[in-house]
Amino acid sequence: HKAGLSVLGAVVFNAVFWNLILVFLLWLFLKQLGIKDNWSFYLIPAVYLNIYGAMVRPVVAEIVLPFFLFFLLMFLVWLKRPTKQNSLVFALSIAGTVYIYPYSWQFALAALSLYFLWLLKNHNWSQAKLLVIVIGGALIVGLPAVLSIYKIMTNALFPELLYKAQYTPYGVNQFTGNLPGLWRAAAF
């Protein structure tokens, strides 16, 4: 019993809680994009129904989705108003992607790297400096997770783990077996 809940109670609580958080963040995200509430009324269920199965799994629920959506939301907010408060919350959202799942930070870092290069190309030095400060703050907050990821990846058994995760008794795992292809697709 964690926090006074049975296992079933915790599963039900998490299924309801994280789904409500996801829907709320999705509504805020669409609002930041300038989408009117009447369109959001149709878009939120469409998006939610596409990821419903991943969100309600009692084992390994995809709670990474609300965290990554929070990162995207705060990125948009920060782009519009890079205040100290927004910078702090943005840094926490970046750190959240590091803590919640070992690979989600890679997507956040890729997006931030591309934005940083765009800032340098356009000679927007002050915004580039602020972005470096925000990422630095996120790395300080996320340092324990970064060190944990580093420790796991430098373990002598890590390559074998990747190999075994890629190949199943039924053939190549459809996700991990095509990671290089997924990265190439994401790059384009």
C-alpha atoms as a PDB file:
ATOM      1  CA  HIS A   1       0.000   0.000   0.000  1.00  0.00           C
ATOM      2  CA  LYS A   2       1.570   3.226  -1.193  1.00  0.00           C
ATOM      3  CA  ALA A   3       0.028   6.473   0.060  1.00  0.00           C
ATOM      4  CA  GLY A   4      -2.840   4.476   1.544  1.00  0.00           C
ATOM      5  CA  LEU A   5      -3.992   3.077  -1.808  1.00  0.00           C
ATOM      6  CA  SER A   6      -4.195  -0.557  -2.788  1.00  0.00           C
ATOM      7  CA  VAL A   7      -2.537  -1.624  -6.032  1.00  0.00           C
ATOM      8  CA  LEU A   8      -5.882  -1.469  -7.836  1.00  0.00           C
ATOM      9  CA  GLY A   9      -6.644   1.913  -6.265  1.00  0.00           C
ATOM     10  CA  ALA A  10      -3.258   3.250  -7.376  1.00  0.00           C
ATOM     11  CA  VAL A  11      -3.810   1.973 -10.935  1.00  0.00           C
ATOM     12  CA  VAL A  12      -7.240   3.619 -11.112  1.00  0.00           C
ATOM     13  CA  PHE A  13      -5.945   6.842  -9.547  1.00  0.00           C
ATOM     14  CA  ASN A  14      -3.010   7.038 -11.976  1.00  0.00           C
ATOM     15  CA  ALA A  15      -5.234   6.256 -14.965  1.00  0.00           C
ATOM     16  CA  VAL A  16      -7.612   9.082 -14.051  1.00  0.00           C
ATOM     17  CA  PHE A  17      -5.025  11.587 -12.788  1.00  0.00           C
ATOM     18  CA  TRP A  18      -2.538  11.396 -15.669  1.00  0.00           C
ATOM     19  CA  ASN A  19      -5.284  11.367 -18.284  1.00  0.00           C
ATOM     20  CA  LEU A  20      -6.833  14.510 -16.805  1.00  0.00           C
ATOM     21  CA  ILE A  21      -3.407  16.159 -16.705  1.00  0.00           C
ATOM     22  CA  LEU A  22      -2.832  15.210 -20.353  1.00  0.00           C
ATOM     23  CA  VAL A  23      -6.197  16.609 -21.492  1.00  0.00           C
ATOM     24  CA  PHE A  24      -5.631  19.829 -19.527  1.00  0.00           C
ATOM     25  CA  LEU A  25      -2.123  20.284 -20.952  1.00  0.00           C
ATOM     26  CA  LEU A  26      -3.421  19.545 -24.436  1.00  0.00           C
ATOM     27  CA  TRP A  27      -6.080  22.236 -24.010  1.00  0.00           C
ATOM     28  CA  LEU A  28      -3.421  24.744 -22.831  1.00  0.00           C
ATOM     29  CA  PHE A  29      -1.134  23.741 -25.700  1.00  0.00           C
ATOM     30  CA  LEU A  30      -3.860  24.282 -28.304  1.00  0.00           C
ATOM     31  CA  LYS A  31      -4.676  27.620 -26.664  1.00  0.00           C
ATOM     32  CA  GLN A  32      -1.014  28.655 -26.957  1.00  0.00           C
ATOM     33  CA  LEU A  33      -1.120  27.740 -30.637  1.00  0.00           C
ATOM     34  CA  GLY A  34      -4.049  30.129 -31.025  1.00  0.00           C
ATOM     35  CA  ILE A  35      -6.651  27.462 -31.713  1.00  0.00           C
ATOM     36  CA  LYS A  36     -10.129  28.568 -30.688  1.00  0.00           C
ATOM     37  CA  ASP A  37     -12.010  26.684 -27.959  1.00  0.00           C
ATOM     38  CA  ASN A  38     -14.661  25.412 -30.373  1.00  0.00           C
ATOM     39  CA  TRP A  39     -11.938  23.735 -32.480  1.00  0.00           C
ATOM     40  CA  SER A  40     -10.251  22.435 -29.336  1.00  0.00           C
ATOM     41  CA  PHE A  41     -13.523  20.761 -28.451  1.00  0.00           C
ATOM     42  CA  TYR A  42     -13.047  18.550 -31.557  1.00  0.00           C
ATOM     43  CA  LEU A  43      -9.240  18.264 -31.557  1.00  0.00           C
ATOM     44  CA  ILE A  44      -8.721  17.182 -27.948  1.00  0.00           C
ATOM     45  CA  PRO A  45     -10.875  14.022 -28.223  1.00  0.00           C
ATOM     46  CA  ALA A  46      -9.281  13.168 -31.590  1.00  0.00           C
ATOM     47  CA  VAL A  47      -5.762  13.413 -30.158  1.00  0.00           C
ATOM     48  CA  TYR A  48      -6.721  11.702 -26.922  1.00  0.00           C
ATOM     49  CA  LEU A  49      -8.372   8.764 -28.679  1.00  0.00           C
ATOM     50  CA  ASN A  50      -5.163   8.202 -30.653  1.00  0.00           C
ATOM     51  CA  ILE A  51      -3.115   7.801 -27.485  1.00  0.00           C
ATOM     52  CA  TYR A  52      -5.778   6.439 -25.118  1.00  0.00           C
ATOM     53  CA  GLY A  53      -4.462   2.875 -25.188  1.00  0.00           C
ATOM     54  CA  ALA A  54      -0.968   3.968 -24.200  1.00  0.00           C
ATOM     55  CA  MET A  55      -2.229   6.191 -21.385  1.00  0.00           C
ATOM     56  CA  VAL A  56      -4.500   3.694 -19.610  1.00  0.00           C
ATOM     57  CA  ARG A  57      -2.198   0.676 -19.590  1.00  0.00           C
ATOM     58  CA  PRO A  58      -1.902  -0.441 -15.975  1.00  0.00           C
ATOM     59  CA  VAL A  59       1.676  -1.528 -16.626  1.00  0.00           C
ATOM     60  CA  VAL A  60       3.997   1.069 -18.122  1.00  0.00           C
ATOM     61  CA  ALA A  61       1.418   3.788 -18.731  1.00  0.00           C
ATOM     62  CA  GLU A  62       2.853   6.402 -21.049  1.00  0.00           C
ATOM     63  CA  ILE A  63       3.021   9.209 -18.507  1.00  0.00           C
ATOM     64  CA  VAL A  64       5.944  10.488 -20.545  1.00  0.00           C
ATOM     65  CA  LEU A  65       3.328  12.059 -22.857  1.00  0.00           C
ATOM     66  CA  PRO A  66       2.052  14.651 -20.349  1.00  0.00           C
ATOM     67  CA  PHE A  67       5.637  15.511 -19.404  1.00  0.00           C
ATOM     68  CA  PHE A  68       6.691  15.971 -23.016  1.00  0.00           C
ATOM     69  CA  LEU A  69       3.531  17.946 -23.765  1.00  0.00           C
ATOM     70  CA  PHE A  70       4.373  20.149 -20.770  1.00  0.00           C
ATOM     71  CA  PHE A  71       7.832  20.716 -22.295  1.00  0.00           C
ATOM     72  CA  LEU A  72       6.274  21.692 -25.642  1.00  0.00           C
ATOM     73  CA  LEU A  73       3.768  23.970 -23.918  1.00  0.00           C
ATOM     74  CA  MET A  74       6.455  25.730 -21.902  1.00  0.00           C
ATOM     75  CA  PHE A  75       8.645  26.044 -24.997  1.00  0.00           C
ATOM     76  CA  LEU A  76       5.824  27.923 -26.725  1.00  0.00           C
ATOM     77  CA  VAL A  77       5.149  30.076 -23.657  1.00  0.00           C
ATOM     78  CA  TRP A  78       8.854  30.856 -23.318  1.00  0.00           C
ATOM     79  CA  LEU A  79       9.159  31.744 -27.012  1.00  0.00           C
ATOM     80  CA  LYS A  80       6.349  34.272 -26.642  1.00  0.00           C
ATOM     81  CA  ARG A  81       7.391  35.674 -23.254  1.00  0.00           C
ATOM     82  CA  PRO A  82      10.928  34.777 -22.103  1.00  0.00           C
ATOM     83  CA  THR A  83      10.523  36.217 -18.583  1.00  0.00           C
ATOM     84  CA  LYS A  84      12.457  34.962 -15.550  1.00  0.00           C
ATOM     85  CA  GLN A  85       9.429  33.057 -14.273  1.00  0.00           C
ATOM     86  CA  ASN A  86       8.751  31.450 -17.656  1.00  0.00           C
ATOM     87  CA  SER A  87      12.455  30.614 -17.996  1.00  0.00           C
ATOM     88  CA  LEU A  88      12.414  28.867 -14.625  1.00  0.00           C
ATOM     89  CA  VAL A  89       9.309  26.810 -15.439  1.00  0.00           C
ATOM     90  CA  PHE A  90      10.715  26.063 -18.908  1.00  0.00           C
ATOM     91  CA  ALA A  91      13.953  24.791 -17.330  1.00  0.00           C
ATOM     92  CA  LEU A  92      11.908  22.590 -14.978  1.00  0.00           C
ATOM     93  CA  SER A  93       9.942  21.202 -17.934  1.00  0.00           C
ATOM     94  CA  ILE A  94      13.202  20.319 -19.698  1.00  0.00           C
ATOM     95  CA  ALA A  95      14.483  18.649 -16.532  1.00  0.00           C
ATOM     96  CA  GLY A  96      11.175  16.772 -16.309  1.00  0.00           C
ATOM     97  CA  THR A  97      11.828  15.179 -19.693  1.00  0.00           C
ATOM     98  CA  VAL A  98      15.195  13.980 -18.379  1.00  0.00           C
ATOM     99  CA  TYR A  99      13.706  12.468 -15.222  1.00  0.00           C
ATOM    100  CA  ILE A 100      10.596  10.835 -16.658  1.00  0.00           C
ATOM    101  CA  TYR A 101      12.116   8.710 -19.412  1.00  0.00           C
ATOM    102  CA  PRO A 102      15.714   8.115 -20.514  1.00  0.00           C
ATOM    103  CA  TYR A 103      14.998   8.919 -24.167  1.00  0.00           C
ATOM    104  CA  SER A 104      12.517  11.805 -24.038  1.00  0.00           C
ATOM    105  CA  TRP A 105      15.268  14.288 -23.249  1.00  0.00           C
ATOM    106  CA  GLN A 106      16.815  13.521 -26.639  1.00  0.00           C
ATOM    107  CA  PHE A 107      13.781  14.924 -28.454  1.00  0.00           C
ATOM    108  CA  ALA A 108      13.773  17.992 -26.212  1.00  0.00           C
ATOM    109  CA  LEU A 109      17.505  18.513 -26.739  1.00  0.00           C
ATOM    110  CA  ALA A 110      17.143  18.079 -30.507  1.00  0.00           C
ATOM    111  CA  ALA A 111      14.393  20.722 -30.648  1.00  0.00           C
ATOM    112  CA  LEU A 112      16.371  23.108 -28.446  1.00  0.00           C
ATOM    113  CA  SER A 113      19.553  22.534 -30.467  1.00  0.00           C
ATOM    114  CA  LEU A 114      17.791  23.344 -33.726  1.00  0.00           C
ATOM    115  CA  TYR A 115      16.287  26.470 -32.172  1.00  0.00           C
ATOM    116  CA  PHE A 116      19.709  27.469 -30.818  1.00  0.00           C
ATOM    117  CA  LEU A 117      21.262  27.094 -34.286  1.00  0.00           C
ATOM    118  CA  TRP A 118      18.420  29.177 -35.751  1.00  0.00           C
ATOM    119  CA  LEU A 119      19.101  31.893 -33.148  1.00  0.00           C
ATOM    120  CA  LEU A 120      22.806  31.897 -34.047  1.00  0.00           C
ATOM    121  CA  LYS A 121      22.014  32.059 -37.770  1.00  0.00           C
ATOM    122  CA  ASN A 122      19.807  35.099 -37.163  1.00  0.00           C
ATOM    123  CA  HIS A 123      22.351  36.739 -34.827  1.00  0.00           C
ATOM    124  CA  ASN A 124      19.901  36.797 -31.917  1.00  0.00           C
ATOM    125  CA  TRP A 125      22.673  36.634 -29.320  1.00  0.00           C
ATOM    126  CA  SER A 126      20.630  37.679 -26.293  1.00  0.00           C
ATOM    127  CA  GLN A 127      17.973  35.006 -26.873  1.00  0.00           C
ATOM    128  CA  ALA A 128      20.688  32.407 -27.575  1.00  0.00           C
ATOM    129  CA  LYS A 129      22.426  33.337 -24.309  1.00  0.00           C
ATOM    130  CA  LEU A 130      19.135  33.063 -22.415  1.00  0.00           C
ATOM    131  CA  LEU A 131      18.481  29.640 -23.974  1.00  0.00           C
ATOM    132  CA  VAL A 132      21.931  28.439 -22.855  1.00  0.00           C
ATOM    133  CA  ILE A 133      21.160  29.663 -19.321  1.00  0.00           C
ATOM    134  CA  VAL A 134      17.792  27.869 -19.341  1.00  0.00           C
ATOM    135  CA  ILE A 135      19.349  24.624 -20.610  1.00  0.00           C
ATOM    136  CA  GLY A 136      22.140  24.979 -18.052  1.00  0.00           C
ATOM    137  CA  GLY A 137      19.582  25.372 -15.277  1.00  0.00           C
ATOM    138  CA  ALA A 138      17.698  22.337 -16.563  1.00  0.00           C
ATOM    139  CA  LEU A 139      20.907  20.285 -16.574  1.00  0.00           C
ATOM    140  CA  ILE A 140      21.654  21.316 -12.982  1.00  0.00           C
ATOM    141  CA  VAL A 141      18.167  20.264 -11.874  1.00  0.00           C
ATOM    142  CA  GLY A 142      18.364  17.096 -13.975  1.00  0.00           C
ATOM    143  CA  LEU A 143      21.964  16.260 -13.031  1.00  0.00           C
ATOM    144  CA  PRO A 144      21.087  13.210 -10.884  1.00  0.00           C
ATOM    145  CA  ALA A 145      19.129  11.691 -13.777  1.00  0.00           C
ATOM    146  CA  VAL A 146      21.879  12.572 -16.265  1.00  0.00           C
ATOM    147  CA  LEU A 147      24.484  10.890 -14.032  1.00  0.00           C
ATOM    148  CA  SER A 148      22.250   7.840 -13.680  1.00  0.00           C
ATOM    149  CA  ILE A 149      21.812   7.599 -17.455  1.00  0.00           C
ATOM    150  CA  TYR A 150      25.586   7.979 -17.900  1.00  0.00           C
ATOM    151  CA  LYS A 151      26.269   5.257 -15.334  1.00  0.00           C
ATOM    152  CA  ILE A 152      23.882   2.867 -17.089  1.00  0.00           C
ATOM    153  CA  MET A 153      25.260   3.609 -20.565  1.00  0.00           C
ATOM    154  CA  THR A 154      28.888   3.149 -19.501  1.00  0.00           C
ATOM    155  CA  ASN A 155      28.200  -0.205 -17.845  1.00  0.00           C
ATOM    156  CA  ALA A 156      30.025  -3.033 -19.604  1.00  0.00           C
ATOM    157  CA  LEU A 157      26.738  -4.942 -20.018  1.00  0.00           C
ATOM    158  CA  PHE A 158      24.904  -2.064 -21.726  1.00  0.00           C
ATOM    159  CA  PRO A 159      25.665  -3.136 -25.340  1.00  0.00           C
ATOM    160  CA  GLU A 160      24.408  -6.646 -24.571  1.00  0.00           C
ATOM    161  CA  LEU A 161      21.248  -5.187 -23.034  1.00  0.00           C
ATOM    162  CA  LEU A 162      20.597  -3.183 -26.200  1.00  0.00           C
ATOM    163  CA  TYR A 163      21.185  -6.252 -28.341  1.00  0.00           C
ATOM    164  CA  LYS A 164      18.789  -8.385 -26.280  1.00  0.00           C
ATOM    165  CA  ALA A 165      16.161  -5.634 -26.201  1.00  0.00           C
ATOM    166  CA  GLN A 166      16.325  -5.394 -29.991  1.00  0.00           C
ATOM    167  CA  TYR A 167      15.854  -9.079 -30.738  1.00  0.00           C
ATOM    168  CA  THR A 168      12.892 -11.017 -29.412  1.00  0.00           C
ATOM    169  CA  PRO A 169      11.966 -14.688 -29.929  1.00  0.00           C
ATOM    170  CA  TYR A 170       9.627 -13.419 -32.693  1.00  0.00           C
ATOM    171  CA  GLY A 171      12.269 -11.490 -34.605  1.00  0.00           C
ATOM    172  CA  VAL A 172      13.455  -7.902 -34.493  1.00  0.00           C
ATOM    173  CA  ASN A 173      11.587  -5.644 -32.094  1.00  0.00           C
ATOM    174  CA  GLN A 174       9.639  -3.244 -34.323  1.00  0.00           C
ATOM    175  CA  PHE A 175      10.619  -0.178 -32.308  1.00  0.00           C
ATOM    176  CA  THR A 176      14.143  -0.719 -31.042  1.00  0.00           C
ATOM    177  CA  GLY A 177      15.154  -2.675 -34.121  1.00  0.00           C
ATOM    178  CA  ASN A 178      14.650   0.418 -36.254  1.00  0.00           C
ATOM    179  CA  LEU A 179      16.030   3.141 -33.989  1.00  0.00           C
ATOM    180  CA  PRO A 180      18.596   4.402 -36.532  1.00  0.00           C
ATOM    181  CA  GLY A 181      15.827   4.669 -39.128  1.00  0.00           C
ATOM    182  CA  LEU A 182      13.590   6.495 -36.665  1.00  0.00           C
ATOM    183  CA  TRP A 183      16.357   8.993 -35.917  1.00  0.00           C
ATOM    184  CA  ARG A 184      16.915   9.623 -39.630  1.00  0.00           C
ATOM    185  CA  ALA A 185      13.175  10.164 -40.100  1.00  0.00           C
ATOM    186  CA  ALA A 186      13.055  12.533 -37.113  1.00  0.00           C
ATOM    187  CA  ALA A 187      16.001  14.495 -38.508  1.00  0.00           C
ATOM    188  CA  PHE A 188      14.132  15.207 -41.725  1.00  0.00           C
END
